[in-house]
Protein backbone atom coordinates (compact mmCIF):
# COMPACT_ATOMS: atom_id res chain seq x y z
CA UNK A 1 33.75 5.99 -25.76
CA UNK A 2 30.75 7.57 -24.46
CA UNK A 3 29.16 6.42 -21.12
CA UNK A 4 26.26 4.00 -22.02
CA UNK A 5 22.80 4.85 -20.75
CA UNK A 6 21.02 2.87 -17.98
CA UNK A 7 18.05 0.83 -19.26
CA UNK A 8 16.03 2.73 -16.68
CA UNK A 9 16.93 6.06 -18.17
CA UNK A 10 15.67 5.06 -21.68
CA UNK A 11 12.22 3.76 -20.50
CA UNK A 12 9.72 6.52 -20.33
CA UNK A 13 7.69 6.82 -16.83
CA UNK A 14 4.62 6.28 -19.12
CA UNK A 15 5.55 2.87 -20.38
CA UNK A 16 6.94 2.17 -16.83
CA UNK A 17 3.64 2.57 -15.13
CA UNK A 18 1.65 0.89 -18.00
CA UNK A 19 4.05 -2.16 -17.70
CA UNK A 20 3.42 -2.03 -13.89
CA UNK A 21 -0.37 -1.83 -14.05
CA UNK A 22 -0.53 -4.58 -16.60
CA UNK A 23 1.30 -6.93 -14.69
CA UNK A 24 -0.99 -9.66 -13.61
CA UNK A 25 0.31 -10.21 -9.97
CA UNK A 26 2.98 -7.96 -8.56
CA UNK A 27 3.68 -10.47 -5.77
CA UNK A 28 5.20 -12.63 -8.47
CA UNK A 29 8.15 -10.22 -8.81
CA UNK A 30 9.12 -11.59 -5.29
CA UNK A 31 10.70 -14.36 -7.07
CA UNK A 32 11.83 -17.17 -4.57
CA UNK A 33 9.57 -15.90 -1.90
CA UNK A 34 6.70 -16.42 -4.05
CA UNK A 35 4.42 -19.32 -3.77
CA UNK A 36 3.33 -19.67 -7.36
CA UNK A 37 1.06 -22.50 -6.79
CA UNK A 38 -0.77 -20.94 -3.94
CA UNK A 39 -0.18 -17.39 -5.40
CA UNK A 40 0.64 -15.90 -2.15
CA UNK A 41 3.89 -14.80 -0.13
CA UNK A 42 4.06 -16.72 3.43
CA UNK A 43 6.01 -15.72 6.56
CA UNK A 44 5.78 -15.67 10.15
CA UNK A 45 5.14 -12.51 12.28
CA UNK A 46 4.94 -12.27 16.11
CA UNK A 47 4.56 -16.06 16.00
CA UNK A 48 1.72 -15.91 13.74
CA UNK A 49 1.75 -17.74 10.24
CA UNK A 50 0.51 -15.45 7.56
CA UNK A 51 -0.26 -15.36 3.90
CA UNK A 52 -0.14 -12.19 1.73
CA UNK A 53 -2.49 -12.48 -1.42
CA UNK A 54 -3.07 -9.82 -4.14
CA UNK A 55 -6.30 -8.77 -5.59
CA UNK A 56 -8.01 -6.39 -7.83
CA UNK A 57 -11.42 -5.31 -6.40
CA UNK A 58 -13.89 -7.52 -8.91
CA UNK A 59 -11.80 -10.49 -7.83
CA UNK A 60 -12.55 -10.22 -4.15
CA UNK A 61 -15.40 -12.19 -2.54
CA UNK A 62 -18.31 -9.94 -1.32
CA UNK A 63 -17.30 -10.88 2.06
CA UNK A 64 -13.56 -9.50 1.89
CA UNK A 65 -15.05 -6.40 0.18
CA UNK A 66 -17.40 -5.75 3.17
CA UNK A 67 -14.56 -6.59 5.41
CA UNK A 68 -12.37 -4.12 3.83
CA UNK A 69 -14.96 -0.96 3.92
CA UNK A 70 -15.91 -2.12 7.57
CA UNK A 71 -12.15 -2.02 8.75
CA UNK A 72 -11.41 1.27 7.24
CA UNK A 73 -14.60 2.81 8.64
CA UNK A 74 -14.03 1.42 12.19
CA UNK A 75 -10.24 2.63 12.14
CA UNK A 76 -10.91 5.95 10.26
CA UNK A 77 -14.10 7.27 10.76
CA UNK A 78 -13.57 9.34 13.98
CA UNK A 79 -10.27 10.76 12.40
CA UNK A 80 -12.23 11.89 9.39
CA UNK A 81 -15.17 13.47 11.43
CA UNK A 82 -12.87 15.37 13.55
CA UNK A 83 -11.52 17.16 10.43
CA UNK A 84 -13.13 19.12 7.57
CA UNK A 85 -13.07 15.99 5.43
CA UNK A 86 -15.73 14.15 7.25
CA UNK A 87 -16.26 10.25 6.70
CA UNK A 88 -18.22 9.43 3.70
CA UNK A 89 -18.40 5.37 3.18
CA UNK A 90 -19.67 5.74 -0.22
CA UNK A 91 -16.43 7.98 -1.29
CA UNK A 92 -14.19 5.60 0.41
CA UNK A 93 -15.70 2.67 -1.31
CA UNK A 94 -15.47 4.30 -4.63
CA UNK A 95 -11.60 4.54 -3.88
CA UNK A 96 -11.29 1.05 -3.06
CA UNK A 97 -13.44 -0.03 -6.27
CA UNK A 98 -11.34 2.07 -8.62
CA UNK A 99 -10.37 0.36 -11.79
CA UNK A 100 -6.58 0.95 -10.98
CA UNK A 101 -6.72 0.11 -7.39
CA UNK A 102 -4.68 -3.12 -6.09
CA UNK A 103 -4.94 -4.56 -3.11
CA UNK A 104 -2.41 -6.90 -0.70
CA UNK A 105 -4.43 -8.69 2.04
CA UNK A 106 -2.76 -10.45 5.11
CA UNK A 107 -4.63 -13.61 6.17
CA UNK A 108 -3.96 -15.13 9.46
CA UNK A 109 -3.17 -18.84 8.37
CA UNK A 110 -3.95 -21.85 10.85
CA UNK A 111 -1.18 -23.92 12.14
CA UNK A 112 -3.20 -27.14 12.26
CA UNK A 113 -6.16 -28.35 9.88
CA UNK A 114 -8.42 -28.35 12.83
CA UNK A 115 -7.98 -24.74 13.44
CA UNK A 116 -10.40 -22.04 12.17
CA UNK A 117 -10.08 -21.04 8.45
CA UNK A 118 -7.90 -18.39 7.44
CA UNK A 119 -9.12 -14.80 8.23
CA UNK A 120 -8.14 -11.51 7.03
CA UNK A 121 -6.21 -9.06 9.59
CA UNK A 122 -4.90 -6.36 7.51
CA UNK A 123 -4.59 -4.70 3.99
CA UNK A 124 -3.31 -2.18 1.74
CA UNK A 125 -4.52 -0.31 -1.00
CA UNK A 126 -2.12 0.91 -3.92
CA UNK A 127 -1.84 1.91 -7.34
CA UNK A 128 0.91 2.87 -9.72
CA UNK A 129 0.39 6.23 -11.20
CA UNK A 130 1.82 9.54 -12.11
CA UNK A 131 3.01 11.65 -9.51
CA UNK A 132 2.37 15.26 -8.93
CA UNK A 133 5.00 16.48 -11.43
CA UNK A 134 6.23 13.83 -14.06
CA UNK A 135 7.24 10.79 -11.31
CA UNK A 136 6.36 7.37 -11.95
CA UNK A 137 4.93 6.43 -8.15
CA UNK A 138 3.59 3.87 -6.18
CA UNK A 139 0.80 5.61 -4.20
CA UNK A 140 -0.49 4.08 -0.90
CA UNK A 141 -4.00 5.00 -0.73
CA UNK A 142 -5.04 2.96 2.46
CA UNK A 143 -3.21 0.95 5.12
CA UNK A 144 -5.59 -0.67 7.68
CA UNK A 145 -4.93 -3.39 10.22
CA UNK A 146 -7.50 -5.12 12.78
CA UNK A 147 -7.19 -3.54 15.97
CA UNK A 148 -6.16 -6.75 18.03
CA UNK A 149 -3.43 -7.22 15.56
CA UNK A 150 -1.82 -3.43 15.67
CA UNK A 151 1.42 -2.90 16.81
CA UNK A 152 2.80 -6.22 15.91
CA UNK A 153 4.47 -5.46 12.75
CA UNK A 154 1.84 -6.40 10.10
CA UNK A 155 1.50 -2.44 8.76
CA UNK A 156 5.35 -2.46 8.51
CA UNK A 157 5.44 -5.50 6.72
CA UNK A 158 2.98 -4.42 4.00
CA UNK A 159 4.80 -0.93 3.65
CA UNK A 160 8.07 -2.89 3.18
CA UNK A 161 6.48 -4.93 0.50
CA UNK A 162 5.22 -1.78 -1.28
CA UNK A 163 8.60 -0.39 -1.21
CA UNK A 164 10.45 -3.37 -2.56
CA UNK A 165 7.67 -3.70 -5.29
CA UNK A 166 8.00 -0.05 -6.22
CA UNK A 167 11.73 -0.75 -6.71
CA UNK A 168 11.04 -4.01 -8.77
CA UNK A 169 8.84 -1.89 -11.09
CA UNK A 170 11.17 0.96 -11.18
CA UNK A 171 8.88 3.59 -9.65
CA UNK A 172 10.66 6.72 -8.13
CA UNK A 173 8.57 7.37 -4.97
CA UNK A 174 6.19 5.72 -2.62
CA UNK A 175 3.79 8.38 -1.49
CA UNK A 176 0.87 8.46 1.09
CA UNK A 177 -1.46 10.98 2.41
CA UNK A 178 -1.77 11.17 6.13
CA UNK A 179 -4.31 13.10 8.20
CA UNK A 180 -2.54 15.47 10.41
CA UNK A 181 -4.65 14.46 13.55
CA UNK A 182 -3.65 10.89 13.10
CA UNK A 183 -0.42 11.14 15.16
CA UNK A 184 -0.06 7.55 15.24
CA UNK A 185 0.19 7.18 11.28
CA UNK A 186 2.54 10.08 11.17
CA UNK A 187 4.89 8.82 13.64
CA UNK A 188 4.67 5.42 11.74
CA UNK A 189 5.60 6.83 8.44
CA UNK A 190 7.96 9.48 9.51
CA UNK A 191 10.10 7.99 12.42
CA UNK A 192 9.51 4.27 11.58
CA UNK A 193 9.82 4.12 7.74
CA UNK A 194 11.65 7.32 7.09
CA UNK A 195 9.01 9.05 4.88
CA UNK A 196 9.70 12.70 4.43
CA UNK A 197 7.22 15.82 3.75
CA UNK A 198 6.83 15.65 -0.09
CA UNK A 199 7.39 18.76 -2.26
CA UNK A 200 4.00 18.85 -3.11
CA UNK A 201 2.49 18.74 0.34
CA UNK A 202 0.47 21.94 1.40
CA UNK A 203 2.78 22.40 4.35
CA UNK A 204 5.77 22.72 1.93
CA UNK A 205 3.93 26.01 0.64
CA UNK A 206 2.84 27.04 4.04
CA UNK A 207 -0.93 26.21 2.97
CA UNK A 208 -3.49 25.37 5.68
CA UNK A 209 -4.62 21.44 5.23
CA UNK A 210 -6.02 18.69 7.24
CA UNK A 211 -3.56 16.28 5.58
CA UNK A 212 0.06 16.06 4.77
CA UNK A 213 1.75 14.14 1.68
CA UNK A 214 4.61 12.09 2.74
CA UNK A 215 6.96 10.30 0.28
CA UNK A 216 9.90 8.13 0.29
CA UNK A 217 12.44 7.92 -2.80
CA UNK A 218 13.38 4.66 -3.95
CA UNK A 219 15.90 3.33 -6.31
CA UNK A 220 15.35 0.48 -8.96
CA UNK A 221 16.57 -3.11 -8.14
CA UNK A 222 17.00 -3.84 -11.93
């Protein structure tokens, strides 16, 4: 009797991507960890109680939209301006608002009712899309953390969520683009998360560019 093909092998990447993009809330894939009433993931990092919520751009409040683009500009403007890309707020806003853009936001949750309300402290912008060849990939477009909350594990937490999400939706890779002058990000992805230079990165072809494409292959959990 011939070997039976796996269910993953029988699903075209185009269909995998459509299923992932049509899924109402990707966090619901996290089963026991997902609070279906509050529609969030709750945990504690560095003794801080946090909630992670999922949004499409049109579902964000104007205040959260403003916070996201302002935080991105605060963290990235100098890096962009010191290379050929240059900071373009309108262009970056267009990326965040894209019809397939998905966002996870971490909120610092007060521990008692009398504390100030929850405040956003980090976010990640990602999309399910076709890679540079035929791969179905989860592409991380933006990962930003408030400066006072950096180096505490929030960025790693969000990237770990993306990796698990990629596995649950049967993607083949997680991909990020990193500016070469952003040494901190390069170390974070390469050393901390074991991302490698992707075969479609300019440096793979000995081409000069201000950026590097990094990727990490993942295996389906299904």
